[in-house]
Amino acid sequence: MKKILFCLALLGLGCAMHAQNPVVSNFMRKFGKYEQATHLNIGGLFLKIAAKSSDDDEANRIMRSISSLHLLNFDENNPVEANDVNQLMQQLRQEKFEDLAYFKDGDSHVRFMIKEHQEVITDLIMIIKGDKNFLLLNLEGKLKYTDLNDFNMEVNGSKEFKRLPEDRKKLPKA
């Protein structure tokens, strides 16, 4: 059974890496090579299997709506400079990503960017940049704005989703 789950996870990872946005993929490839980097790609199949083990129906539904999750994290010794983040955001805007929200928390800057089609979020980027830490989270799938506040997964930075207001009209401008 463990071999089957391992093979399914590898298959999911392969699919996730193939479907990833090229801007995000290039950024993760550039910075993911650092020894202190945590780099994670999870495919939809693995998320669907994980969702089946959840007792929370809402969390299960949201996890099934995500086709892939990509994460790059530096807890300390962060090599990502502010200029790198600005360049990433500029390239994402050229790829039709829109600024959704911006929060400042101490020395950390938290930014959400989305790509939407008919009020369905197909891509979500969360960037957290601090003096010593950095996190880039990319979710791909079919999400509603209301799903974001309910996002509850054990992933670095997931608590930042709780900062988004229930009503999209009350968002702080990015």
N, C-alpha and C. Protein backbone atom coordinates (compact mmCIF):
# COMPACT_ATOMS: atom_id res chain seq x y z
N MET A 1 0.82 -1.20 0.00
CA MET A 1 0.00 0.00 0.00
C MET A 1 0.86 1.26 0.00
N LYS A 2 1.96 1.23 0.80
CA LYS A 2 2.84 2.40 0.85
C LYS A 2 3.46 2.66 -0.51
N LYS A 3 3.80 1.60 -1.24
CA LYS A 3 4.38 1.77 -2.58
C LYS A 3 3.39 2.42 -3.53
N ILE A 4 2.13 2.03 -3.41
CA ILE A 4 1.09 2.61 -4.28
C ILE A 4 0.93 4.09 -3.98
N LEU A 5 0.83 4.44 -2.68
CA LEU A 5 0.69 5.86 -2.31
C LEU A 5 1.90 6.66 -2.75
N PHE A 6 3.10 6.09 -2.60
CA PHE A 6 4.32 6.78 -3.03
C PHE A 6 4.30 7.02 -4.54
N CYS A 7 3.90 6.01 -5.31
CA CYS A 7 3.82 6.17 -6.77
C CYS A 7 2.77 7.21 -7.16
N LEU A 8 1.63 7.20 -6.46
CA LEU A 8 0.60 8.21 -6.72
C LEU A 8 1.11 9.61 -6.41
N ALA A 9 1.85 9.74 -5.30
CA ALA A 9 2.41 11.05 -4.93
C ALA A 9 3.40 11.52 -5.99
N LEU A 10 4.24 10.63 -6.46
CA LEU A 10 5.20 11.00 -7.52
C LEU A 10 4.47 11.41 -8.80
N LEU A 11 3.43 10.68 -9.15
CA LEU A 11 2.64 11.03 -10.32
C LEU A 11 2.02 12.41 -10.15
N GLY A 12 1.48 12.66 -8.95
CA GLY A 12 0.90 13.98 -8.66
C GLY A 12 1.93 15.08 -8.73
N LEU A 13 3.15 14.81 -8.24
CA LEU A 13 4.20 15.82 -8.29
C LEU A 13 4.58 16.13 -9.73
N GLY A 14 4.66 15.11 -10.54
CA GLY A 14 5.00 15.33 -11.95
C GLY A 14 3.97 16.19 -12.65
N CYS A 15 2.70 15.91 -12.37
CA CYS A 15 1.63 16.70 -12.97
C CYS A 15 1.67 18.13 -12.48
N ALA A 16 1.96 18.31 -11.18
CA ALA A 16 1.99 19.65 -10.60
C ALA A 16 3.11 20.47 -11.22
N MET A 17 4.26 19.87 -11.41
CA MET A 17 5.39 20.61 -11.94
C MET A 17 5.14 20.98 -13.40
N HIS A 18 4.45 20.12 -14.13
CA HIS A 18 4.19 20.39 -15.53
C HIS A 18 3.22 21.56 -15.71
N ALA A 19 2.22 21.66 -14.83
CA ALA A 19 1.17 22.65 -14.99
C ALA A 19 1.51 24.00 -14.40
N GLN A 20 2.59 24.10 -13.68
CA GLN A 20 2.91 25.33 -12.95
C GLN A 20 3.16 26.50 -13.90
N ASN A 21 2.72 27.67 -13.46
CA ASN A 21 2.95 28.91 -14.20
C ASN A 21 4.45 29.07 -14.47
N PRO A 22 4.85 29.41 -15.70
CA PRO A 22 6.29 29.51 -16.01
C PRO A 22 7.03 30.59 -15.21
N VAL A 23 6.38 31.68 -14.88
CA VAL A 23 7.02 32.73 -14.08
C VAL A 23 7.34 32.19 -12.68
N VAL A 24 6.35 31.54 -12.07
CA VAL A 24 6.54 30.96 -10.74
C VAL A 24 7.57 29.84 -10.81
N SER A 25 7.47 29.02 -11.83
CA SER A 25 8.41 27.90 -12.00
C SER A 25 9.84 28.39 -12.10
N ASN A 26 10.09 29.41 -12.89
CA ASN A 26 11.44 29.96 -13.04
C ASN A 26 11.96 30.54 -11.72
N PHE A 27 11.09 31.24 -11.00
CA PHE A 27 11.48 31.82 -9.72
C PHE A 27 11.83 30.71 -8.73
N MET A 28 10.99 29.68 -8.67
CA MET A 28 11.24 28.59 -7.73
C MET A 28 12.49 27.79 -8.11
N ARG A 29 12.73 27.65 -9.38
CA ARG A 29 13.93 26.95 -9.83
C ARG A 29 15.18 27.75 -9.45
N LYS A 30 15.12 29.09 -9.62
CA LYS A 30 16.26 29.95 -9.31
C LYS A 30 16.60 29.91 -7.82
N PHE A 31 15.58 30.01 -6.95
CA PHE A 31 15.84 30.10 -5.51
C PHE A 31 15.70 28.77 -4.79
N GLY A 32 15.06 27.80 -5.40
CA GLY A 32 14.88 26.50 -4.78
C GLY A 32 16.17 25.71 -4.65
N LYS A 33 17.20 26.12 -5.37
CA LYS A 33 18.48 25.39 -5.33
C LYS A 33 19.29 25.68 -4.07
N TYR A 34 18.90 26.72 -3.32
CA TYR A 34 19.63 27.05 -2.09
C TYR A 34 19.39 25.98 -1.04
N GLU A 35 20.43 25.66 -0.31
CA GLU A 35 20.36 24.61 0.70
C GLU A 35 19.30 24.88 1.76
N GLN A 36 19.12 26.13 2.14
CA GLN A 36 18.17 26.48 3.21
C GLN A 36 16.72 26.57 2.71
N ALA A 37 16.50 26.32 1.44
CA ALA A 37 15.15 26.42 0.86
C ALA A 37 14.32 25.18 1.17
N THR A 38 13.05 25.42 1.45
CA THR A 38 12.06 24.35 1.48
C THR A 38 11.23 24.54 0.22
N HIS A 39 11.25 23.56 -0.65
CA HIS A 39 10.58 23.65 -1.94
C HIS A 39 9.63 22.46 -2.03
N LEU A 40 8.35 22.72 -2.25
CA LEU A 40 7.34 21.68 -2.22
C LEU A 40 6.39 21.85 -3.39
N ASN A 41 6.12 20.75 -4.09
CA ASN A 41 5.12 20.71 -5.15
C ASN A 41 4.18 19.55 -4.85
N ILE A 42 2.89 19.84 -4.73
CA ILE A 42 1.91 18.79 -4.46
C ILE A 42 0.85 18.85 -5.55
N GLY A 43 0.62 17.73 -6.19
CA GLY A 43 -0.36 17.63 -7.26
C GLY A 43 -1.76 17.41 -6.73
N GLY A 44 -2.72 17.61 -7.60
CA GLY A 44 -4.13 17.51 -7.25
C GLY A 44 -4.54 16.14 -6.77
N LEU A 45 -3.96 15.09 -7.36
CA LEU A 45 -4.31 13.74 -6.95
C LEU A 45 -3.97 13.51 -5.48
N PHE A 46 -2.80 13.95 -5.08
CA PHE A 46 -2.39 13.81 -3.68
C PHE A 46 -3.31 14.63 -2.77
N LEU A 47 -3.70 15.83 -3.20
CA LEU A 47 -4.60 16.67 -2.41
C LEU A 47 -5.98 16.02 -2.28
N LYS A 48 -6.45 15.39 -3.35
CA LYS A 48 -7.75 14.73 -3.31
C LYS A 48 -7.73 13.54 -2.35
N ILE A 49 -6.61 12.80 -2.34
CA ILE A 49 -6.46 11.69 -1.41
C ILE A 49 -6.45 12.22 0.03
N ALA A 50 -5.71 13.30 0.26
CA ALA A 50 -5.65 13.90 1.59
C ALA A 50 -7.02 14.43 2.01
N ALA A 51 -7.77 14.98 1.06
CA ALA A 51 -9.09 15.53 1.38
C ALA A 51 -10.03 14.44 1.87
N LYS A 52 -9.90 13.24 1.33
CA LYS A 52 -10.78 12.14 1.75
C LYS A 52 -10.57 11.78 3.21
N SER A 53 -9.39 12.06 3.74
CA SER A 53 -9.11 11.72 5.14
C SER A 53 -9.58 12.81 6.10
N SER A 54 -10.06 13.93 5.58
CA SER A 54 -10.50 15.04 6.42
C SER A 54 -11.94 14.83 6.87
N ASP A 55 -12.20 15.16 8.14
CA ASP A 55 -13.56 15.10 8.67
C ASP A 55 -14.34 16.38 8.40
N ASP A 56 -13.64 17.44 8.03
CA ASP A 56 -14.25 18.75 7.79
C ASP A 56 -14.71 18.82 6.33
N ASP A 57 -16.03 18.86 6.12
CA ASP A 57 -16.58 18.86 4.76
C ASP A 57 -16.14 20.08 3.96
N GLU A 58 -16.08 21.25 4.61
CA GLU A 58 -15.68 22.48 3.92
C GLU A 58 -14.22 22.40 3.49
N ALA A 59 -13.35 21.95 4.40
CA ALA A 59 -11.93 21.79 4.06
C ALA A 59 -11.76 20.76 2.96
N ASN A 60 -12.53 19.70 3.02
CA ASN A 60 -12.48 18.66 1.99
C ASN A 60 -12.85 19.25 0.62
N ARG A 61 -13.92 20.03 0.58
CA ARG A 61 -14.36 20.64 -0.68
C ARG A 61 -13.30 21.58 -1.24
N ILE A 62 -12.69 22.40 -0.38
CA ILE A 62 -11.68 23.35 -0.83
C ILE A 62 -10.45 22.61 -1.34
N MET A 63 -10.01 21.58 -0.62
CA MET A 63 -8.82 20.83 -1.05
C MET A 63 -9.07 20.14 -2.39
N ARG A 64 -10.29 19.68 -2.64
CA ARG A 64 -10.62 19.06 -3.93
C ARG A 64 -10.65 20.10 -5.04
N SER A 65 -10.82 21.38 -4.70
CA SER A 65 -10.84 22.46 -5.70
C SER A 65 -9.44 22.88 -6.13
N ILE A 66 -8.43 22.44 -5.40
CA ILE A 66 -7.04 22.81 -5.70
C ILE A 66 -6.40 21.73 -6.56
N SER A 67 -5.92 22.12 -7.73
CA SER A 67 -5.29 21.13 -8.62
C SER A 67 -3.79 21.00 -8.35
N SER A 68 -3.17 22.03 -7.79
CA SER A 68 -1.75 21.91 -7.42
C SER A 68 -1.39 23.00 -6.42
N LEU A 69 -0.38 22.68 -5.62
CA LEU A 69 0.14 23.60 -4.62
C LEU A 69 1.65 23.60 -4.75
N HIS A 70 2.23 24.80 -4.85
CA HIS A 70 3.68 24.96 -4.97
C HIS A 70 4.12 25.91 -3.87
N LEU A 71 5.19 25.55 -3.17
CA LEU A 71 5.64 26.36 -2.05
C LEU A 71 7.16 26.47 -2.07
N LEU A 72 7.63 27.68 -1.84
CA LEU A 72 9.06 27.94 -1.64
C LEU A 72 9.17 28.74 -0.36
N ASN A 73 10.00 28.27 0.59
CA ASN A 73 10.07 28.91 1.89
C ASN A 73 11.52 29.00 2.36
N PHE A 74 11.85 30.15 2.92
CA PHE A 74 13.12 30.37 3.61
C PHE A 74 12.77 30.88 5.00
N ASP A 75 13.10 30.09 6.03
CA ASP A 75 12.84 30.53 7.41
C ASP A 75 13.87 31.54 7.88
N GLU A 76 15.10 31.41 7.38
CA GLU A 76 16.16 32.36 7.70
C GLU A 76 17.18 32.29 6.58
N ASN A 77 18.17 33.16 6.63
CA ASN A 77 19.17 33.24 5.56
C ASN A 77 18.49 33.37 4.20
N ASN A 78 17.56 34.27 4.12
CA ASN A 78 16.76 34.48 2.93
C ASN A 78 17.57 35.16 1.83
N PRO A 79 17.78 34.50 0.69
CA PRO A 79 18.53 35.12 -0.40
C PRO A 79 17.67 36.00 -1.32
N VAL A 80 16.34 35.98 -1.13
CA VAL A 80 15.43 36.73 -1.99
C VAL A 80 15.42 38.19 -1.57
N GLU A 81 15.83 39.05 -2.47
CA GLU A 81 15.89 40.50 -2.21
C GLU A 81 14.57 41.16 -2.62
N ALA A 82 14.34 42.35 -2.13
CA ALA A 82 13.13 43.12 -2.49
C ALA A 82 13.03 43.30 -4.00
N ASN A 83 14.16 43.52 -4.66
CA ASN A 83 14.18 43.68 -6.11
C ASN A 83 13.70 42.42 -6.82
N ASP A 84 14.06 41.23 -6.27
CA ASP A 84 13.60 39.96 -6.85
C ASP A 84 12.08 39.85 -6.75
N VAL A 85 11.53 40.26 -5.61
CA VAL A 85 10.08 40.21 -5.40
C VAL A 85 9.38 41.18 -6.34
N ASN A 86 9.91 42.39 -6.48
CA ASN A 86 9.32 43.38 -7.38
C ASN A 86 9.32 42.88 -8.83
N GLN A 87 10.40 42.26 -9.23
CA GLN A 87 10.50 41.71 -10.59
C GLN A 87 9.50 40.57 -10.77
N LEU A 88 9.37 39.70 -9.77
CA LEU A 88 8.40 38.60 -9.83
C LEU A 88 6.99 39.16 -9.98
N MET A 89 6.64 40.16 -9.18
CA MET A 89 5.30 40.74 -9.25
C MET A 89 5.04 41.39 -10.60
N GLN A 90 6.04 42.06 -11.14
CA GLN A 90 5.89 42.69 -12.46
C GLN A 90 5.64 41.62 -13.52
N GLN A 91 6.38 40.52 -13.47
CA GLN A 91 6.19 39.45 -14.44
C GLN A 91 4.82 38.79 -14.26
N LEU A 92 4.36 38.64 -13.03
CA LEU A 92 3.04 38.06 -12.79
C LEU A 92 1.95 38.97 -13.35
N ARG A 93 2.11 40.28 -13.19
CA ARG A 93 1.12 41.21 -13.75
C ARG A 93 1.08 41.10 -15.27
N GLN A 94 2.23 40.88 -15.89
CA GLN A 94 2.27 40.68 -17.34
C GLN A 94 1.55 39.39 -17.74
N GLU A 95 1.48 38.44 -16.81
CA GLU A 95 0.78 37.17 -17.04
C GLU A 95 -0.71 37.29 -16.65
N LYS A 96 -1.19 38.51 -16.46
CA LYS A 96 -2.59 38.81 -16.15
C LYS A 96 -3.00 38.51 -14.70
N PHE A 97 -2.03 38.46 -13.78
CA PHE A 97 -2.35 38.37 -12.37
C PHE A 97 -2.72 39.75 -11.88
N GLU A 98 -3.68 39.80 -10.94
CA GLU A 98 -4.12 41.06 -10.35
C GLU A 98 -3.75 41.07 -8.88
N ASP A 99 -3.44 42.26 -8.36
CA ASP A 99 -3.20 42.42 -6.94
C ASP A 99 -4.54 42.27 -6.22
N LEU A 100 -4.57 41.42 -5.21
CA LEU A 100 -5.79 41.21 -4.44
C LEU A 100 -5.73 41.93 -3.10
N ALA A 101 -4.65 41.74 -2.34
CA ALA A 101 -4.55 42.35 -1.02
C ALA A 101 -3.09 42.49 -0.62
N TYR A 102 -2.86 43.46 0.27
CA TYR A 102 -1.52 43.69 0.81
C TYR A 102 -1.65 43.98 2.30
N PHE A 103 -0.81 43.32 3.11
CA PHE A 103 -0.77 43.55 4.56
C PHE A 103 0.68 43.73 4.98
N LYS A 104 0.90 44.57 5.96
CA LYS A 104 2.23 44.72 6.56
C LYS A 104 2.10 44.28 8.01
N ASP A 105 3.02 43.41 8.41
CA ASP A 105 3.00 42.88 9.77
C ASP A 105 4.43 42.89 10.30
N GLY A 106 4.77 43.92 11.09
CA GLY A 106 6.15 44.06 11.55
C GLY A 106 7.07 44.30 10.38
N ASP A 107 8.10 43.45 10.25
CA ASP A 107 9.01 43.60 9.12
C ASP A 107 8.56 42.79 7.91
N SER A 108 7.43 42.08 8.01
CA SER A 108 6.95 41.25 6.90
C SER A 108 5.90 41.97 6.06
N HIS A 109 6.00 41.75 4.78
CA HIS A 109 5.03 42.25 3.81
C HIS A 109 4.32 41.04 3.21
N VAL A 110 2.99 41.04 3.26
CA VAL A 110 2.19 39.92 2.76
C VAL A 110 1.38 40.42 1.58
N ARG A 111 1.49 39.73 0.46
CA ARG A 111 0.79 40.15 -0.75
C ARG A 111 0.09 38.95 -1.36
N PHE A 112 -1.17 39.16 -1.77
CA PHE A 112 -1.95 38.16 -2.50
C PHE A 112 -2.17 38.66 -3.91
N MET A 113 -1.95 37.79 -4.88
CA MET A 113 -2.23 38.09 -6.28
C MET A 113 -3.05 36.92 -6.84
N ILE A 114 -3.98 37.24 -7.75
CA ILE A 114 -4.83 36.19 -8.31
C ILE A 114 -4.97 36.35 -9.82
N LYS A 115 -5.31 35.25 -10.45
CA LYS A 115 -5.75 35.24 -11.84
C LYS A 115 -7.15 34.64 -11.79
N GLU A 116 -8.10 35.36 -12.41
CA GLU A 116 -9.51 34.97 -12.34
C GLU A 116 -10.09 34.78 -13.72
N HIS A 117 -11.10 33.92 -13.78
CA HIS A 117 -11.90 33.77 -14.99
C HIS A 117 -13.35 33.63 -14.55
N GLN A 118 -14.17 34.61 -14.88
CA GLN A 118 -15.59 34.64 -14.53
C GLN A 118 -15.81 34.40 -13.03
N GLU A 119 -15.12 35.18 -12.21
CA GLU A 119 -15.21 35.16 -10.76
C GLU A 119 -14.75 33.86 -10.12
N VAL A 120 -14.04 33.04 -10.88
CA VAL A 120 -13.42 31.83 -10.35
C VAL A 120 -11.91 32.07 -10.34
N ILE A 121 -11.31 31.91 -9.16
CA ILE A 121 -9.86 32.10 -9.04
C ILE A 121 -9.18 30.83 -9.54
N THR A 122 -8.41 30.97 -10.61
CA THR A 122 -7.71 29.83 -11.18
C THR A 122 -6.27 29.73 -10.67
N ASP A 123 -5.69 30.84 -10.27
CA ASP A 123 -4.33 30.88 -9.73
C ASP A 123 -4.30 31.88 -8.60
N LEU A 124 -3.65 31.51 -7.51
CA LEU A 124 -3.46 32.41 -6.38
C LEU A 124 -1.99 32.36 -5.98
N ILE A 125 -1.42 33.53 -5.79
CA ILE A 125 -0.04 33.66 -5.33
C ILE A 125 -0.08 34.41 -4.00
N MET A 126 0.61 33.87 -3.00
CA MET A 126 0.82 34.59 -1.75
C MET A 126 2.33 34.73 -1.57
N ILE A 127 2.76 35.96 -1.35
CA ILE A 127 4.18 36.26 -1.14
C ILE A 127 4.31 36.90 0.23
N ILE A 128 5.17 36.32 1.06
CA ILE A 128 5.49 36.91 2.36
C ILE A 128 6.98 37.19 2.35
N LYS A 129 7.35 38.46 2.49
CA LYS A 129 8.76 38.87 2.46
C LYS A 129 9.08 39.60 3.75
N GLY A 130 10.02 39.04 4.51
CA GLY A 130 10.51 39.68 5.71
C GLY A 130 12.01 39.90 5.59
N ASP A 131 12.61 40.44 6.63
CA ASP A 131 14.05 40.67 6.61
C ASP A 131 14.82 39.35 6.49
N LYS A 132 14.37 38.33 7.23
CA LYS A 132 15.09 37.06 7.25
C LYS A 132 14.32 35.93 6.60
N ASN A 133 13.03 36.10 6.37
CA ASN A 133 12.22 35.02 5.84
C ASN A 133 11.56 35.40 4.53
N PHE A 134 11.15 34.36 3.81
CA PHE A 134 10.44 34.54 2.54
C PHE A 134 9.57 33.32 2.31
N LEU A 135 8.37 33.55 1.78
CA LEU A 135 7.49 32.46 1.40
C LEU A 135 6.77 32.82 0.12
N LEU A 136 6.73 31.88 -0.80
CA LEU A 136 5.96 31.99 -2.03
C LEU A 136 5.06 30.77 -2.09
N LEU A 137 3.75 31.01 -2.09
CA LEU A 137 2.77 29.93 -2.19
C LEU A 137 1.95 30.16 -3.44
N ASN A 138 1.85 29.13 -4.27
CA ASN A 138 1.06 29.20 -5.49
C ASN A 138 0.02 28.08 -5.46
N LEU A 139 -1.26 28.46 -5.47
CA LEU A 139 -2.35 27.51 -5.55
C LEU A 139 -2.97 27.62 -6.93
N GLU A 140 -3.20 26.49 -7.57
CA GLU A 140 -3.89 26.47 -8.85
C GLU A 140 -5.13 25.60 -8.69
N GLY A 141 -6.22 25.98 -9.33
CA GLY A 141 -7.45 25.22 -9.24
C GLY A 141 -8.63 26.06 -9.62
N LYS A 142 -9.76 25.80 -8.98
CA LYS A 142 -10.99 26.54 -9.21
C LYS A 142 -11.57 26.90 -7.85
N LEU A 143 -11.21 28.09 -7.39
CA LEU A 143 -11.62 28.56 -6.06
C LEU A 143 -12.51 29.79 -6.17
N LYS A 144 -13.38 29.94 -5.19
CA LYS A 144 -14.16 31.17 -5.06
C LYS A 144 -13.44 32.05 -4.04
N TYR A 145 -13.70 33.33 -4.09
CA TYR A 145 -13.08 34.23 -3.11
C TYR A 145 -13.43 33.78 -1.68
N THR A 146 -14.65 33.37 -1.46
CA THR A 146 -15.08 32.96 -0.12
C THR A 146 -14.30 31.74 0.38
N ASP A 147 -13.74 30.93 -0.52
CA ASP A 147 -12.92 29.78 -0.12
C ASP A 147 -11.62 30.22 0.55
N LEU A 148 -11.11 31.37 0.18
CA LEU A 148 -9.79 31.79 0.66
C LEU A 148 -9.77 31.97 2.16
N ASN A 149 -10.79 32.59 2.72
CA ASN A 149 -10.84 32.81 4.16
C ASN A 149 -11.00 31.50 4.91
N ASP A 150 -11.56 30.50 4.25
CA ASP A 150 -11.77 29.19 4.87
C ASP A 150 -10.61 28.23 4.63
N PHE A 151 -9.59 28.67 3.90
CA PHE A 151 -8.44 27.81 3.60
C PHE A 151 -7.75 27.43 4.90
N ASN A 152 -7.71 26.15 5.18
CA ASN A 152 -7.16 25.68 6.45
C ASN A 152 -6.32 24.44 6.19
N MET A 153 -5.08 24.66 5.80
CA MET A 153 -4.17 23.56 5.52
C MET A 153 -2.90 23.80 6.31
N GLU A 154 -2.27 22.75 6.75
CA GLU A 154 -1.03 22.87 7.53
C GLU A 154 0.13 23.18 6.59
N VAL A 155 0.18 24.42 6.11
CA VAL A 155 1.22 24.89 5.22
C VAL A 155 1.69 26.24 5.75
N ASN A 156 2.99 26.48 5.71
CA ASN A 156 3.51 27.78 6.16
C ASN A 156 2.73 28.90 5.47
N GLY A 157 2.36 29.90 6.25
CA GLY A 157 1.69 31.06 5.70
C GLY A 157 0.18 30.93 5.60
N SER A 158 -0.38 29.75 5.88
CA SER A 158 -1.82 29.57 5.69
C SER A 158 -2.65 30.45 6.62
N LYS A 159 -2.08 30.86 7.77
CA LYS A 159 -2.81 31.74 8.69
C LYS A 159 -3.10 33.10 8.05
N GLU A 160 -2.31 33.49 7.06
CA GLU A 160 -2.50 34.78 6.40
C GLU A 160 -3.83 34.84 5.65
N PHE A 161 -4.37 33.70 5.25
CA PHE A 161 -5.66 33.68 4.56
C PHE A 161 -6.77 34.18 5.48
N LYS A 162 -6.62 33.98 6.79
CA LYS A 162 -7.63 34.43 7.75
C LYS A 162 -7.70 35.96 7.82
N ARG A 163 -6.67 36.64 7.34
CA ARG A 163 -6.66 38.11 7.36
C ARG A 163 -7.53 38.69 6.25
N LEU A 164 -7.88 37.88 5.27
CA LEU A 164 -8.73 38.37 4.19
C LEU A 164 -10.16 38.52 4.71
N PRO A 165 -10.80 39.65 4.46
CA PRO A 165 -12.17 39.83 4.94
C PRO A 165 -13.14 38.92 4.19
N GLU A 166 -14.23 38.56 4.85
CA GLU A 166 -15.26 37.71 4.22
C GLU A 166 -15.81 38.37 2.96
N ASP A 167 -15.98 39.69 3.02
CA ASP A 167 -16.53 40.44 1.89
C ASP A 167 -15.37 41.02 1.08
N ARG A 168 -15.30 40.65 -0.16
CA ARG A 168 -14.20 41.10 -1.03
C ARG A 168 -14.13 42.61 -1.16
N LYS A 169 -15.27 43.27 -1.03
CA LYS A 169 -15.32 44.72 -1.17
C LYS A 169 -14.59 45.44 -0.04
N LYS A 170 -14.33 44.73 1.07
CA LYS A 170 -13.65 45.32 2.22
C LYS A 170 -12.15 45.06 2.21
N LEU A 171 -11.64 44.59 1.10
CA LEU A 171 -10.20 44.31 0.99
C LEU A 171 -9.36 45.57 1.02
N PRO A 172 -8.24 45.54 1.76
CA PRO A 172 -7.29 46.66 1.65
C PRO A 172 -6.67 46.60 0.26
N LYS A 173 -6.49 47.72 -0.35
CA LYS A 173 -5.93 47.77 -1.70
C LYS A 173 -4.45 47.37 -1.68
N ALA A 174 -4.09 46.57 -2.69
CA ALA A 174 -2.69 46.10 -2.81
C ALA A 174 -1.81 47.20 -3.37
